Amino acid sequence: GSIYSSKAFSKAHEHCTSIKRSMSRVATPTDNPIIEALNGWIKEELYIDFGLYRSKNVPQLINNYIKYFNNYRLSSKLHYKSPAQFRIEQGFV
């Protein structure tokens, strides 16, 4: 939202060539529902369950969360399996 499009955020990333900023239309979270859902999970689970508010090593915390999300977090849309379990059962691995 507003932080992502702010001048301060833009200035902080102007020398980072590995990140490309891309924004959808104003007030249209349906433009990118996957990222909107991920942001919601991060806000809820990473902040509360993983202690983001007290972490000094955010990149490591995010890596740990990704491992948890892919291998242990159960999803009702995947019949209460983790993404890794579901992929194996579907023959993708």
PDB file of N, CA and C in Angstrom:
ATOM      1  N   GLY A   1       0.789  -1.171   0.000  1.00  0.00           N
ATOM      2  CA  GLY A   1       0.000   0.000   0.000  1.00  0.00           C
ATOM      3  C   GLY A   1       0.852   1.264   0.000  1.00  0.00           C
ATOM      4  N   SER A   2       0.496   2.129   0.891  1.00  0.00           N
ATOM      5  CA  SER A   2       1.112   3.458   0.918  1.00  0.00           C
ATOM      6  C   SER A   2       2.594   3.415   1.270  1.00  0.00           C
ATOM      7  N   ILE A   3       2.988   2.489   2.119  1.00  0.00           N
ATOM      8  CA  ILE A   3       4.412   2.380   2.473  1.00  0.00           C
ATOM      9  C   ILE A   3       5.213   1.929   1.250  1.00  0.00           C
ATOM     10  N   TYR A   4       4.696   0.934   0.542  1.00  0.00           N
ATOM     11  CA  TYR A   4       5.370   0.381  -0.628  1.00  0.00           C
ATOM     12  C   TYR A   4       5.554   1.431  -1.724  1.00  0.00           C
ATOM     13  N   SER A   5       4.598   2.341  -1.840  1.00  0.00           N
ATOM     14  CA  SER A   5       4.681   3.359  -2.889  1.00  0.00           C
ATOM     15  C   SER A   5       5.288   4.676  -2.406  1.00  0.00           C
ATOM     16  N   SER A   6       5.744   4.716  -1.167  1.00  0.00           N
ATOM     17  CA  SER A   6       6.286   5.959  -0.610  1.00  0.00           C
ATOM     18  C   SER A   6       7.662   6.302  -1.191  1.00  0.00           C
ATOM     19  N   LYS A   7       8.018   7.574  -1.092  1.00  0.00           N
ATOM     20  CA  LYS A   7       9.330   8.027  -1.558  1.00  0.00           C
ATOM     21  C   LYS A   7      10.451   7.399  -0.736  1.00  0.00           C
ATOM     22  N   ALA A   8      10.234   7.243   0.575  1.00  0.00           N
ATOM     23  CA  ALA A   8      11.259   6.655   1.445  1.00  0.00           C
ATOM     24  C   ALA A   8      11.560   5.215   1.037  1.00  0.00           C
ATOM     25  N   PHE A   9      10.523   4.430   0.744  1.00  0.00           N
ATOM     26  CA  PHE A   9      10.710   3.045   0.317  1.00  0.00           C
ATOM     27  C   PHE A   9      11.440   3.005  -1.017  1.00  0.00           C
ATOM     28  N   SER A  10      11.033   3.867  -1.926  1.00  0.00           N
ATOM     29  CA  SER A  10      11.667   3.935  -3.240  1.00  0.00           C
ATOM     30  C   SER A  10      13.147   4.279  -3.120  1.00  0.00           C
ATOM     31  N   LYS A  11      13.466   5.255  -2.295  1.00  0.00           N
ATOM     32  CA  LYS A  11      14.856   5.664  -2.103  1.00  0.00           C
ATOM     33  C   LYS A  11      15.679   4.542  -1.463  1.00  0.00           C
ATOM     34  N   ALA A  12      15.091   3.823  -0.520  1.00  0.00           N
ATOM     35  CA  ALA A  12      15.795   2.737   0.160  1.00  0.00           C
ATOM     36  C   ALA A  12      16.156   1.604  -0.792  1.00  0.00           C
ATOM     37  N   HIS A  13      15.424   1.464  -1.888  1.00  0.00           N
ATOM     38  CA  HIS A  13      15.657   0.364  -2.827  1.00  0.00           C
ATOM     39  C   HIS A  13      16.234   0.793  -4.170  1.00  0.00           C
ATOM     40  N   GLU A  14      16.623   2.046  -4.302  1.00  0.00           N
ATOM     41  CA  GLU A  14      17.085   2.505  -5.615  1.00  0.00           C
ATOM     42  C   GLU A  14      18.391   1.866  -6.063  1.00  0.00           C
ATOM     43  N   HIS A  15      19.192   1.340  -5.156  1.00  0.00           N
ATOM     44  CA  HIS A  15      20.455   0.696  -5.533  1.00  0.00           C
ATOM     45  C   HIS A  15      20.342  -0.827  -5.580  1.00  0.00           C
ATOM     46  N   CYS A  16      19.186  -1.342  -5.278  1.00  0.00           N
ATOM     47  CA  CYS A  16      18.976  -2.791  -5.268  1.00  0.00           C
ATOM     48  C   CYS A  16      18.472  -3.226  -6.644  1.00  0.00           C
ATOM     49  N   THR A  17      19.344  -3.830  -7.414  1.00  0.00           N
ATOM     50  CA  THR A  17      18.975  -4.219  -8.776  1.00  0.00           C
ATOM     51  C   THR A  17      18.264  -5.566  -8.837  1.00  0.00           C
ATOM     52  N   SER A  18      18.258  -6.325  -7.746  1.00  0.00           N
ATOM     53  CA  SER A  18      17.634  -7.646  -7.768  1.00  0.00           C
ATOM     54  C   SER A  18      16.142  -7.600  -7.441  1.00  0.00           C
ATOM     55  N   ILE A  19      15.623  -6.429  -7.070  1.00  0.00           N
ATOM     56  CA  ILE A  19      14.205  -6.297  -6.750  1.00  0.00           C
ATOM     57  C   ILE A  19      13.553  -5.361  -7.759  1.00  0.00           C
ATOM     58  N   LYS A  20      12.482  -5.839  -8.375  1.00  0.00           N
ATOM     59  CA  LYS A  20      11.737  -4.998  -9.308  1.00  0.00           C
ATOM     60  C   LYS A  20      10.379  -4.687  -8.687  1.00  0.00           C
ATOM     61  N   ARG A  21      10.119  -3.422  -8.492  1.00  0.00           N
ATOM     62  CA  ARG A  21       8.832  -3.016  -7.926  1.00  0.00           C
ATOM     63  C   ARG A  21       7.765  -3.071  -9.010  1.00  0.00           C
ATOM     64  N   SER A  22       6.614  -3.578  -8.627  1.00  0.00           N
ATOM     65  CA  SER A  22       5.490  -3.665  -9.541  1.00  0.00           C
ATOM     66  C   SER A  22       4.223  -3.431  -8.729  1.00  0.00           C
ATOM     67  N   MET A  23       3.415  -2.488  -9.148  1.00  0.00           N
ATOM     68  CA  MET A  23       2.217  -2.156  -8.378  1.00  0.00           C
ATOM     69  C   MET A  23       0.964  -2.326  -9.219  1.00  0.00           C
ATOM     70  N   SER A  24      -0.094  -2.778  -8.549  1.00  0.00           N
ATOM     71  CA  SER A  24      -1.385  -2.907  -9.212  1.00  0.00           C
ATOM     72  C   SER A  24      -2.147  -1.592  -9.093  1.00  0.00           C
ATOM     73  N   ARG A  25      -3.357  -1.596  -9.579  1.00  0.00           N
ATOM     74  CA  ARG A  25      -4.187  -0.399  -9.508  1.00  0.00           C
ATOM     75  C   ARG A  25      -4.561  -0.102  -8.054  1.00  0.00           C
ATOM     76  N   VAL A  26      -4.794   1.142  -7.751  1.00  0.00           N
ATOM     77  CA  VAL A  26      -5.136   1.571  -6.398  1.00  0.00           C
ATOM     78  C   VAL A  26      -6.415   0.881  -5.937  1.00  0.00           C
ATOM     79  N   ALA A  27      -6.381   0.365  -4.697  1.00  0.00           N
ATOM     80  CA  ALA A  27      -7.549  -0.251  -4.045  1.00  0.00           C
ATOM     81  C   ALA A  27      -8.122  -1.433  -4.815  1.00  0.00           C
ATOM     82  N   THR A  28      -7.265  -2.215  -5.462  1.00  0.00           N
ATOM     83  CA  THR A  28      -7.721  -3.409  -6.184  1.00  0.00           C
ATOM     84  C   THR A  28      -6.870  -4.613  -5.800  1.00  0.00           C
ATOM     85  N   PRO A  29      -7.068  -5.154  -4.583  1.00  0.00           N
ATOM     86  CA  PRO A  29      -6.293  -6.322  -4.173  1.00  0.00           C
ATOM     87  C   PRO A  29      -6.565  -7.543  -5.045  1.00  0.00           C
ATOM     88  N   THR A  30      -7.650  -7.510  -5.810  1.00  0.00           N
ATOM     89  CA  THR A  30      -7.953  -8.630  -6.701  1.00  0.00           C
ATOM     90  C   THR A  30      -7.006  -8.701  -7.892  1.00  0.00           C
ATOM     91  N   ASP A  31      -6.211  -7.650  -8.111  1.00  0.00           N
ATOM     92  CA  ASP A  31      -5.214  -7.690  -9.184  1.00  0.00           C
ATOM     93  C   ASP A  31      -4.158  -8.764  -8.919  1.00  0.00           C
ATOM     94  N   ASN A  32      -3.874  -9.033  -7.674  1.00  0.00           N
ATOM     95  CA  ASN A  32      -2.848 -10.007  -7.323  1.00  0.00           C
ATOM     96  C   ASN A  32      -3.249 -10.737  -6.036  1.00  0.00           C
ATOM     97  N   PRO A  33      -4.257 -11.602  -6.104  1.00  0.00           N
ATOM     98  CA  PRO A  33      -4.774 -12.236  -4.892  1.00  0.00           C
ATOM     99  C   PRO A  33      -3.778 -13.156  -4.192  1.00  0.00           C
ATOM    100  N   ILE A  34      -2.859 -13.755  -4.931  1.00  0.00           N
ATOM    101  CA  ILE A  34      -1.886 -14.654  -4.300  1.00  0.00           C
ATOM    102  C   ILE A  34      -0.976 -13.870  -3.367  1.00  0.00           C
ATOM    103  N   ILE A  35      -0.460 -12.750  -3.829  1.00  0.00           N
ATOM    104  CA  ILE A  35       0.412 -11.928  -2.988  1.00  0.00           C
ATOM    105  C   ILE A  35      -0.373 -11.319  -1.841  1.00  0.00           C
ATOM    106  N   GLU A  36      -1.617 -10.910  -2.094  1.00  0.00           N
ATOM    107  CA  GLU A  36      -2.440 -10.358  -1.013  1.00  0.00           C
ATOM    108  C   GLU A  36      -2.657 -11.407   0.073  1.00  0.00           C
ATOM    109  N   ALA A  37      -2.906 -12.652  -0.320  1.00  0.00           N
ATOM    110  CA  ALA A  37      -3.074 -13.729   0.663  1.00  0.00           C
ATOM    111  C   ALA A  37      -1.775 -13.961   1.424  1.00  0.00           C
ATOM    112  N   LEU A  38      -0.653 -13.982   0.707  1.00  0.00           N
ATOM    113  CA  LEU A  38       0.645 -14.166   1.358  1.00  0.00           C
ATOM    114  C   LEU A  38       0.906 -13.057   2.369  1.00  0.00           C
ATOM    115  N   ASN A  39       0.612 -11.816   1.992  1.00  0.00           N
ATOM    116  CA  ASN A  39       0.789 -10.707   2.929  1.00  0.00           C
ATOM    117  C   ASN A  39      -0.064 -10.902   4.173  1.00  0.00           C
ATOM    118  N   GLY A  40      -1.278 -11.388   4.001  1.00  0.00           N
ATOM    119  CA  GLY A  40      -2.151 -11.655   5.141  1.00  0.00           C
ATOM    120  C   GLY A  40      -1.584 -12.726   6.048  1.00  0.00           C
ATOM    121  N   TRP A  41      -1.072 -13.810   5.446  1.00  0.00           N
ATOM    122  CA  TRP A  41      -0.473 -14.877   6.255  1.00  0.00           C
ATOM    123  C   TRP A  41       0.747 -14.370   7.004  1.00  0.00           C
ATOM    124  N   ILE A  42       1.567 -13.602   6.316  1.00  0.00           N
ATOM    125  CA  ILE A  42       2.766 -13.070   6.969  1.00  0.00           C
ATOM    126  C   ILE A  42       2.377 -12.182   8.139  1.00  0.00           C
ATOM    127  N   LYS A  43       1.416 -11.302   7.923  1.00  0.00           N
ATOM    128  CA  LYS A  43       0.992 -10.418   9.006  1.00  0.00           C
ATOM    129  C   LYS A  43       0.467 -11.207  10.193  1.00  0.00           C
ATOM    130  N   GLU A  44      -0.343 -12.217   9.916  1.00  0.00           N
ATOM    131  CA  GLU A  44      -0.968 -12.971  10.995  1.00  0.00           C
ATOM    132  C   GLU A  44      -0.030 -14.006  11.607  1.00  0.00           C
ATOM    133  N   GLU A  45       0.506 -14.893  10.791  1.00  0.00           N
ATOM    134  CA  GLU A  45       1.281 -16.014  11.303  1.00  0.00           C
ATOM    135  C   GLU A  45       2.729 -15.654  11.625  1.00  0.00           C
ATOM    136  N   LEU A  46       3.388 -14.981  10.718  1.00  0.00           N
ATOM    137  CA  LEU A  46       4.801 -14.669  10.924  1.00  0.00           C
ATOM    138  C   LEU A  46       4.970 -13.703  12.082  1.00  0.00           C
ATOM    139  N   TYR A  47       4.118 -12.725  12.140  1.00  0.00           N
ATOM    140  CA  TYR A  47       4.232 -11.724  13.203  1.00  0.00           C
ATOM    141  C   TYR A  47       3.879 -12.325  14.561  1.00  0.00           C
ATOM    142  N   ILE A  48       2.766 -13.033  14.638  1.00  0.00           N
ATOM    143  CA  ILE A  48       2.300 -13.559  15.924  1.00  0.00           C
ATOM    144  C   ILE A  48       2.987 -14.876  16.276  1.00  0.00           C
ATOM    145  N   ASP A  49       2.858 -15.882  15.410  1.00  0.00           N
ATOM    146  CA  ASP A  49       3.348 -17.225  15.730  1.00  0.00           C
ATOM    147  C   ASP A  49       4.864 -17.356  15.689  1.00  0.00           C
ATOM    148  N   PHE A  50       5.520 -16.604  14.816  1.00  0.00           N
ATOM    149  CA  PHE A  50       6.962 -16.740  14.666  1.00  0.00           C
ATOM    150  C   PHE A  50       7.747 -15.624  15.335  1.00  0.00           C
ATOM    151  N   GLY A  51       7.069 -14.692  15.977  1.00  0.00           N
ATOM    152  CA  GLY A  51       7.752 -13.661  16.749  1.00  0.00           C
ATOM    153  C   GLY A  51       8.460 -12.603  15.941  1.00  0.00           C
ATOM    154  N   LEU A  52       7.905 -12.220  14.797  1.00  0.00           N
ATOM    155  CA  LEU A  52       8.539 -11.200  13.968  1.00  0.00           C
ATOM    156  C   LEU A  52       8.764  -9.904  14.739  1.00  0.00           C
ATOM    157  N   TYR A  53       7.852  -9.579  15.641  1.00  0.00           N
ATOM    158  CA  TYR A  53       7.955  -8.325  16.388  1.00  0.00           C
ATOM    159  C   TYR A  53       9.178  -8.265  17.288  1.00  0.00           C
ATOM    160  N   ARG A  54       9.767  -9.407  17.607  1.00  0.00           N
ATOM    161  CA  ARG A  54      10.948  -9.385  18.470  1.00  0.00           C
ATOM    162  C   ARG A  54      12.204  -9.923  17.775  1.00  0.00           C
ATOM    163  N   SER A  55      12.114 -10.185  16.490  1.00  0.00           N
ATOM    164  CA  SER A  55      13.241 -10.763  15.764  1.00  0.00           C
ATOM    165  C   SER A  55      14.207  -9.687  15.281  1.00  0.00           C
ATOM    166  N   LYS A  56      15.483 -10.016  15.356  1.00  0.00           N
ATOM    167  CA  LYS A  56      16.518  -9.127  14.829  1.00  0.00           C
ATOM    168  C   LYS A  56      17.041  -9.636  13.494  1.00  0.00           C
ATOM    169  N   ASN A  57      16.649 -10.857  13.125  1.00  0.00           N
ATOM    170  CA  ASN A  57      17.117 -11.444  11.879  1.00  0.00           C
ATOM    171  C   ASN A  57      15.912 -11.786  11.002  1.00  0.00           C
ATOM    172  N   VAL A  58      15.311 -10.777  10.410  1.00  0.00           N
ATOM    173  CA  VAL A  58      14.092 -10.957   9.627  1.00  0.00           C
ATOM    174  C   VAL A  58      14.305 -11.879   8.420  1.00  0.00           C
ATOM    175  N   PRO A  59      15.392 -11.757   7.640  1.00  0.00           N
ATOM    176  CA  PRO A  59      15.566 -12.684   6.515  1.00  0.00           C
ATOM    177  C   PRO A  59      15.576 -14.155   6.951  1.00  0.00           C
ATOM    178  N   GLN A  60      16.239 -14.468   8.047  1.00  0.00           N
ATOM    179  CA  GLN A  60      16.264 -15.848   8.536  1.00  0.00           C
ATOM    180  C   GLN A  60      14.871 -16.280   8.989  1.00  0.00           C
ATOM    181  N   LEU A  61      14.161 -15.384   9.643  1.00  0.00           N
ATOM    182  CA  LEU A  61      12.805 -15.676  10.093  1.00  0.00           C
ATOM    183  C   LEU A  61      11.895 -15.970   8.901  1.00  0.00           C
ATOM    184  N   ILE A  62      12.027 -15.200   7.840  1.00  0.00           N
ATOM    185  CA  ILE A  62      11.214 -15.428   6.644  1.00  0.00           C
ATOM    186  C   ILE A  62      11.586 -16.753   5.987  1.00  0.00           C
ATOM    187  N   ASN A  63      12.871 -17.080   5.918  1.00  0.00           N
ATOM    188  CA  ASN A  63      13.290 -18.383   5.374  1.00  0.00           C
ATOM    189  C   ASN A  63      12.707 -19.527   6.191  1.00  0.00           C
ATOM    190  N   ASN A  64      12.727 -19.397   7.515  1.00  0.00           N
ATOM    191  CA  ASN A  64      12.147 -20.430   8.378  1.00  0.00           C
ATOM    192  C   ASN A  64      10.648 -20.562   8.132  1.00  0.00           C
ATOM    193  N   TYR A  65       9.979 -19.426   7.951  1.00  0.00           N
ATOM    194  CA  TYR A  65       8.539 -19.453   7.699  1.00  0.00           C
ATOM    195  C   TYR A  65       8.241 -20.131   6.364  1.00  0.00           C
ATOM    196  N   ILE A  66       9.024 -19.866   5.344  1.00  0.00           N
ATOM    197  CA  ILE A  66       8.809 -20.500   4.040  1.00  0.00           C
ATOM    198  C   ILE A  66       8.952 -22.019   4.157  1.00  0.00           C
ATOM    199  N   LYS A  67       9.963 -22.478   4.887  1.00  0.00           N
ATOM    200  CA  LYS A  67      10.127 -23.926   5.107  1.00  0.00           C
ATOM    201  C   LYS A  67       8.927 -24.505   5.841  1.00  0.00           C
ATOM    202  N   TYR A  68       8.473 -23.787   6.882  1.00  0.00           N
ATOM    203  CA  TYR A  68       7.292 -24.218   7.632  1.00  0.00           C
ATOM    204  C   TYR A  68       6.072 -24.260   6.714  1.00  0.00           C
ATOM    205  N   PHE A  69       5.855 -23.193   5.954  1.00  0.00           N
ATOM    206  CA  PHE A  69       4.686 -23.084   5.087  1.00  0.00           C
ATOM    207  C   PHE A  69       4.664 -24.219   4.063  1.00  0.00           C
ATOM    208  N   ASN A  70       5.782 -24.491   3.436  1.00  0.00           N
ATOM    209  CA  ASN A  70       5.828 -25.511   2.385  1.00  0.00           C
ATOM    210  C   ASN A  70       5.781 -26.934   2.909  1.00  0.00           C
ATOM    211  N   ASN A  71       6.327 -27.170   4.101  1.00  0.00           N
ATOM    212  CA  ASN A  71       6.484 -28.543   4.578  1.00  0.00           C
ATOM    213  C   ASN A  71       5.580 -28.957   5.731  1.00  0.00           C
ATOM    214  N   TYR A  72       5.061 -28.018   6.506  1.00  0.00           N
ATOM    215  CA  TYR A  72       4.318 -28.388   7.713  1.00  0.00           C
ATOM    216  C   TYR A  72       2.942 -27.748   7.847  1.00  0.00           C
ATOM    217  N   ARG A  73       2.739 -26.582   7.282  1.00  0.00           N
ATOM    218  CA  ARG A  73       1.472 -25.865   7.442  1.00  0.00           C
ATOM    219  C   ARG A  73       0.398 -26.559   6.611  1.00  0.00           C
ATOM    220  N   LEU A  74      -0.665 -27.002   7.274  1.00  0.00           N
ATOM    221  CA  LEU A  74      -1.739 -27.702   6.591  1.00  0.00           C
ATOM    222  C   LEU A  74      -2.692 -26.706   5.948  1.00  0.00           C
ATOM    223  N   SER A  75      -3.192 -27.076   4.783  1.00  0.00           N
ATOM    224  CA  SER A  75      -4.115 -26.211   4.048  1.00  0.00           C
ATOM    225  C   SER A  75      -5.420 -26.953   3.791  1.00  0.00           C
ATOM    226  N   SER A  76      -6.526 -26.315   4.122  1.00  0.00           N
ATOM    227  CA  SER A  76      -7.825 -26.947   3.874  1.00  0.00           C
ATOM    228  C   SER A  76      -8.044 -27.163   2.373  1.00  0.00           C
ATOM    229  N   LYS A  77      -7.523 -26.273   1.539  1.00  0.00           N
ATOM    230  CA  LYS A  77      -7.688 -26.415   0.084  1.00  0.00           C
ATOM    231  C   LYS A  77      -6.873 -27.574  -0.481  1.00  0.00           C
ATOM    232  N   LEU A  78      -5.912 -28.056   0.294  1.00  0.00           N
ATOM    233  CA  LEU A  78      -5.107 -29.212  -0.125  1.00  0.00           C
ATOM    234  C   LEU A  78      -5.488 -30.442   0.688  1.00  0.00           C
ATOM    235  N   HIS A  79      -6.728 -30.480   1.141  1.00  0.00           N
ATOM    236  CA  HIS A  79      -7.254 -31.602   1.926  1.00  0.00           C
ATOM    237  C   HIS A  79      -6.463 -31.807   3.215  1.00  0.00           C
ATOM    238  N   TYR A  80      -6.147 -30.700   3.876  1.00  0.00           N
ATOM    239  CA  TYR A  80      -5.421 -30.681   5.151  1.00  0.00           C
ATOM    240  C   TYR A  80      -4.066 -31.382   5.063  1.00  0.00           C
ATOM    241  N   LYS A  81      -3.381 -31.081   3.981  1.00  0.00           N
ATOM    242  CA  LYS A  81      -2.001 -31.542   3.791  1.00  0.00           C
ATOM    243  C   LYS A  81      -1.131 -30.312   3.580  1.00  0.00           C
ATOM    244  N   SER A  82       0.163 -30.482   3.797  1.00  0.00           N
ATOM    245  CA  SER A  82       1.092 -29.391   3.488  1.00  0.00           C
ATOM    246  C   SER A  82       1.288 -29.356   1.970  1.00  0.00           C
ATOM    247  N   PRO A  83       1.751 -28.232   1.425  1.00  0.00           N
ATOM    248  CA  PRO A  83       2.024 -28.198  -0.020  1.00  0.00           C
ATOM    249  C   PRO A  83       2.989 -29.306  -0.461  1.00  0.00           C
ATOM    250  N   ALA A  84       3.997 -29.594   0.350  1.00  0.00           N
ATOM    251  CA  ALA A  84       4.956 -30.653  -0.010  1.00  0.00           C
ATOM    252  C   ALA A  84       4.271 -32.018  -0.040  1.00  0.00           C
ATOM    253  N   GLN A  85       3.450 -32.313   0.971  1.00  0.00           N
ATOM    254  CA  GLN A  85       2.730 -33.589   0.996  1.00  0.00           C
ATOM    255  C   GLN A  85       1.807 -33.712  -0.215  1.00  0.00           C
ATOM    256  N   PHE A  86       1.099 -32.643  -0.508  1.00  0.00           N
ATOM    257  CA  PHE A  86       0.159 -32.650  -1.621  1.00  0.00           C
ATOM    258  C   PHE A  86       0.875 -32.887  -2.947  1.00  0.00           C
ATOM    259  N   ARG A  87       2.001 -32.211  -3.154  1.00  0.00           N
ATOM    260  CA  ARG A  87       2.762 -32.380  -4.398  1.00  0.00           C
ATOM    261  C   ARG A  87       3.243 -33.826  -4.556  1.00  0.00           C
ATOM    262  N   ILE A  88       3.713 -34.423  -3.472  1.00  0.00           N
ATOM    263  CA  ILE A  88       4.179 -35.814  -3.530  1.00  0.00           C
ATOM    264  C   ILE A  88       3.026 -36.736  -3.897  1.00  0.00           C
ATOM    265  N   GLU A  89       1.884 -36.566  -3.219  1.00  0.00           N
ATOM    266  CA  GLU A  89       0.728 -37.424  -3.487  1.00  0.00           C
ATOM    267  C   GLU A  89       0.181 -37.258  -4.904  1.00  0.00           C
ATOM    268  N   GLN A  90       0.343 -36.085  -5.480  1.00  0.00           N
ATOM    269  CA  GLN A  90      -0.135 -35.837  -6.839  1.00  0.00           C
ATOM    270  C   GLN A  90       0.886 -36.248  -7.897  1.00  0.00           C
ATOM    271  N   GLY A  91       2.050 -36.729  -7.469  1.00  0.00           N
ATOM    272  CA  GLY A  91       3.072 -37.193  -8.395  1.00  0.00           C
ATOM    273  C   GLY A  91       3.922 -36.105  -9.014  1.00  0.00           C
ATOM    274  N   PHE A  92       3.941 -34.925  -8.383  1.00  0.00           N
ATOM    275  CA  PHE A  92       4.745 -33.821  -8.912  1.00  0.00           C
ATOM    276  C   PHE A  92       6.204 -33.906  -8.494  1.00  0.00           C
ATOM    277  N   VAL A  93       6.512 -34.733  -7.530  1.00  0.00           N
ATOM    278  CA  VAL A  93       7.891 -34.822  -7.034  1.00  0.00           C
ATOM    279  C   VAL A  93       8.436 -36.192  -7.334  1.00  0.00           C
TER     280      VAL A  93
END
